[in-house]
């Protein structure tokens, strides 16, 4: 993790060269999944708020 954020450090060239591709492939779908979950939660909350406003 830290090696990915500091690619300018020449002390660990092996890990930096072997890791980032797999890390990027692992992170992008995870970020997309979190984004989808957050959007669905917001939509659900808005739907509940609108339903409660209509019932009043």
C-alpha atoms as a PDB file:
ATOM      1  CA  UNK A   1       0.000   0.000   0.000  1.00  0.00           C
ATOM      2  CA  UNK A   2       2.632   2.506   1.069  1.00  0.00           C
ATOM      3  CA  UNK A   3       4.891   1.469  -1.800  1.00  0.00           C
ATOM      4  CA  UNK A   4       2.129   2.261  -4.256  1.00  0.00           C
ATOM      5  CA  UNK A   5       1.652   5.770  -2.833  1.00  0.00           C
ATOM      6  CA  UNK A   6       5.402   6.469  -2.922  1.00  0.00           C
ATOM      7  CA  UNK A   7       6.669   5.300  -6.339  1.00  0.00           C
ATOM      8  CA  UNK A   8       9.484   7.892  -6.216  1.00  0.00           C
ATOM      9  CA  UNK A   9      11.375   5.834  -3.596  1.00  0.00           C
ATOM     10  CA  UNK A  10      14.120   3.800  -5.320  1.00  0.00           C
ATOM     11  CA  UNK A  11      14.689   1.556  -2.273  1.00  0.00           C
ATOM     12  CA  UNK A  12      12.049  -1.022  -3.259  1.00  0.00           C
ATOM     13  CA  UNK A  13      12.143  -1.273  -7.078  1.00  0.00           C
ATOM     14  CA  UNK A  14      11.178  -4.956  -7.196  1.00  0.00           C
ATOM     15  CA  UNK A  15       7.950  -4.590  -5.237  1.00  0.00           C
ATOM     16  CA  UNK A  16       6.998  -1.358  -6.993  1.00  0.00           C
ATOM     17  CA  UNK A  17       7.485  -2.960 -10.419  1.00  0.00           C
ATOM     18  CA  UNK A  18       5.654  -6.200  -9.592  1.00  0.00           C
ATOM     19  CA  UNK A  19       2.761  -4.876  -7.499  1.00  0.00           C
ATOM     20  CA  UNK A  20       0.955  -1.829  -8.994  1.00  0.00           C
ATOM     21  CA  UNK A  21      -0.731  -3.569 -11.937  1.00  0.00           C
ATOM     22  CA  UNK A  22      -2.451  -6.174  -9.756  1.00  0.00           C
ATOM     23  CA  UNK A  23      -3.293  -3.556  -7.117  1.00  0.00           C
ATOM     24  CA  UNK A  24      -4.945  -1.309  -9.703  1.00  0.00           C
ATOM     25  CA  UNK A  25      -6.919  -4.256 -11.074  1.00  0.00           C
ATOM     26  CA  UNK A  26      -8.048  -5.141  -7.541  1.00  0.00           C
ATOM     27  CA  UNK A  27      -8.916  -1.582  -6.517  1.00  0.00           C
ATOM     28  CA  UNK A  28     -10.967  -0.401  -9.494  1.00  0.00           C
ATOM     29  CA  UNK A  29     -13.856  -2.928  -9.184  1.00  0.00           C
ATOM     30  CA  UNK A  30     -13.819  -2.448  -5.403  1.00  0.00           C
ATOM     31  CA  UNK A  31     -14.192   1.342  -5.775  1.00  0.00           C
ATOM     32  CA  UNK A  32     -16.956   0.752  -8.340  1.00  0.00           C
ATOM     33  CA  UNK A  33     -18.737  -1.596  -5.942  1.00  0.00           C
ATOM     34  CA  UNK A  34     -18.543   0.928  -3.092  1.00  0.00           C
ATOM     35  CA  UNK A  35     -19.839   3.643  -5.444  1.00  0.00           C
ATOM     36  CA  UNK A  36     -22.805   1.497  -6.504  1.00  0.00           C
ATOM     37  CA  UNK A  37     -23.637   0.660  -2.880  1.00  0.00           C
ATOM     38  CA  UNK A  38     -23.484   4.330  -1.862  1.00  0.00           C
ATOM     39  CA  UNK A  39     -25.691   5.398  -4.786  1.00  0.00           C
ATOM     40  CA  UNK A  40     -28.237   2.691  -4.008  1.00  0.00           C
ATOM     41  CA  UNK A  41     -28.284   3.749  -0.347  1.00  0.00           C
ATOM     42  CA  UNK A  42     -28.865   7.399  -1.299  1.00  0.00           C
ATOM     43  CA  UNK A  43     -31.697   6.421  -3.660  1.00  0.00           C
ATOM     44  CA  UNK A  44     -33.260   4.240  -0.948  1.00  0.00           C
ATOM     45  CA  UNK A  45     -33.054   7.042   1.630  1.00  0.00           C
ATOM     46  CA  UNK A  46     -34.560   9.562  -0.810  1.00  0.00           C
ATOM     47  CA  UNK A  47     -37.402   7.146  -1.602  1.00  0.00           C
ATOM     48  CA  UNK A  48     -38.119   6.696   2.115  1.00  0.00           C
ATOM     49  CA  UNK A  49     -38.100  10.466   2.692  1.00  0.00           C
ATOM     50  CA  UNK A  50     -40.502  11.036  -0.196  1.00  0.00           C
ATOM     51  CA  UNK A  51     -42.790   8.256   1.077  1.00  0.00           C
ATOM     52  CA  UNK A  52     -42.846   9.761   4.560  1.00  0.00           C
ATOM     53  CA  UNK A  53     -43.598  13.211   3.116  1.00  0.00           C
ATOM     54  CA  UNK A  54     -46.515  11.818   1.092  1.00  0.00           C
ATOM     55  CA  UNK A  55     -47.975  10.025   4.131  1.00  0.00           C
ATOM     56  CA  UNK A  56     -48.059  13.228   6.205  1.00  0.00           C
END
